[in-house]
């Protein structure tokens, strides 16, 4: 697996837009508390289409998910939703687009 040379990263610490414009999500890195929660990535803002959902473990720590090949296409930016305060931060690794 290899990444393009222009991979960027944007960290959000609460429900918010992470990336504006057409982009490909290459992975995420997240930190969470000791109660299970969920992270949802959408394209098209908070009411947009779900492109990825991650259930966090009931174990405090830092975790990463690398998406193989070309990643996940987000045609209209990336919005990150935290299901609870147990999700502390999410860093979106992406190609294309611009940080929100």
Protein backbone atom coordinates (compact mmCIF):
# COMPACT_ATOMS: atom_id res chain seq x y z
CA UNK A 1 0.00 0.00 0.00
CA UNK A 2 1.26 3.46 -0.81
CA UNK A 3 -0.07 6.96 -0.42
CA UNK A 4 0.05 9.91 -2.74
CA UNK A 5 2.63 12.50 -1.86
CA UNK A 6 0.05 15.15 -1.01
CA UNK A 7 -1.70 13.47 1.94
CA UNK A 8 -2.89 16.09 4.44
CA UNK A 9 -4.28 15.82 7.95
CA UNK A 10 -6.97 17.75 9.82
CA UNK A 11 -7.85 17.17 13.48
CA UNK A 12 -11.26 17.99 14.96
CA UNK A 13 -12.08 17.83 18.66
CA UNK A 14 -15.86 17.83 18.30
CA UNK A 15 -18.57 17.41 15.70
CA UNK A 16 -17.49 19.64 12.81
CA UNK A 17 -16.43 19.88 9.19
CA UNK A 18 -12.90 18.59 8.63
CA UNK A 19 -12.38 19.00 4.88
CA UNK A 20 -13.99 21.21 2.22
CA UNK A 21 -14.38 20.16 -1.40
CA UNK A 22 -13.92 16.88 -3.22
CA UNK A 23 -11.46 14.65 -1.39
CA UNK A 24 -10.47 11.06 -0.71
CA UNK A 25 -10.24 9.89 2.90
CA UNK A 26 -7.09 7.78 3.28
CA UNK A 27 -7.50 7.01 6.98
CA UNK A 28 -8.39 8.29 10.41
CA UNK A 29 -6.64 8.43 13.77
CA UNK A 30 -8.83 8.86 16.83
CA UNK A 31 -8.65 9.03 20.60
CA UNK A 32 -11.46 7.95 22.87
CA UNK A 33 -12.43 7.33 26.46
CA UNK A 34 -13.39 4.09 28.18
CA UNK A 35 -17.03 3.90 27.05
CA UNK A 36 -17.98 2.70 23.57
CA UNK A 37 -19.07 5.43 21.15
CA UNK A 38 -19.24 6.06 17.41
CA UNK A 39 -17.61 8.31 14.82
CA UNK A 40 -19.47 9.07 11.59
CA UNK A 41 -17.94 10.64 8.50
CA UNK A 42 -20.37 12.23 6.03
CA UNK A 43 -20.01 14.02 2.74
CA UNK A 44 -22.27 17.00 2.14
CA UNK A 45 -22.26 18.41 5.66
CA UNK A 46 -24.02 17.33 8.83
CA UNK A 47 -27.12 16.17 6.94
CA UNK A 48 -25.17 14.53 4.13
CA UNK A 49 -24.45 10.97 3.08
CA UNK A 50 -22.62 8.64 5.48
CA UNK A 51 -19.35 7.44 3.94
CA UNK A 52 -17.85 5.73 7.01
CA UNK A 53 -18.93 4.79 10.51
CA UNK A 54 -16.59 3.54 13.21
CA UNK A 55 -17.62 2.04 16.53
CA UNK A 56 -15.01 2.84 19.18
CA UNK A 57 -14.05 0.18 21.70
CA UNK A 58 -14.90 0.45 25.37
CA UNK A 59 -11.23 0.99 26.10
CA UNK A 60 -9.51 4.34 26.39
CA UNK A 61 -6.73 4.85 23.90
CA UNK A 62 -5.65 5.95 20.46
CA UNK A 63 -6.51 3.97 17.35
CA UNK A 64 -5.97 4.28 13.62
CA UNK A 65 -7.70 3.00 10.52
CA UNK A 66 -5.87 3.06 7.20
CA UNK A 67 -8.07 2.75 4.11
CA UNK A 68 -6.38 0.84 1.29
CA UNK A 69 -6.00 1.74 -2.37
CA UNK A 70 -7.65 5.03 -3.34
CA UNK A 71 -9.47 5.57 -0.05
CA UNK A 72 -13.11 6.66 0.27
CA UNK A 73 -14.37 9.35 -2.10
CA UNK A 74 -16.11 12.28 -0.44
CA UNK A 75 -17.58 14.36 -3.25
CA UNK A 76 -18.59 17.33 -1.06
CA UNK A 77 -16.15 17.57 1.84
CA UNK A 78 -15.96 15.57 5.06
CA UNK A 79 -18.07 16.24 8.14
CA UNK A 80 -17.17 14.34 11.34
CA UNK A 81 -19.84 13.54 13.94
CA UNK A 82 -18.97 12.36 17.47
CA UNK A 83 -21.74 10.30 19.11
CA UNK A 84 -20.64 11.35 22.60
CA UNK A 85 -17.95 13.12 24.61
CA UNK A 86 -16.16 9.74 24.82
CA UNK A 87 -14.69 10.52 21.40
CA UNK A 88 -11.92 13.00 22.19
CA UNK A 89 -10.46 13.77 18.75
CA UNK A 90 -10.42 12.56 15.17
CA UNK A 91 -7.66 13.24 12.65
CA UNK A 92 -8.75 12.76 9.04
CA UNK A 93 -5.97 11.84 6.58
CA UNK A 94 -7.02 12.94 3.11
CA UNK A 95 -5.93 13.74 -0.45
CA UNK A 96 -7.48 16.68 -2.31
CA UNK A 97 -9.84 19.22 -0.81
CA UNK A 98 -8.83 21.84 1.71
CA UNK A 99 -8.95 21.95 5.51
CA UNK A 100 -12.22 23.35 6.84
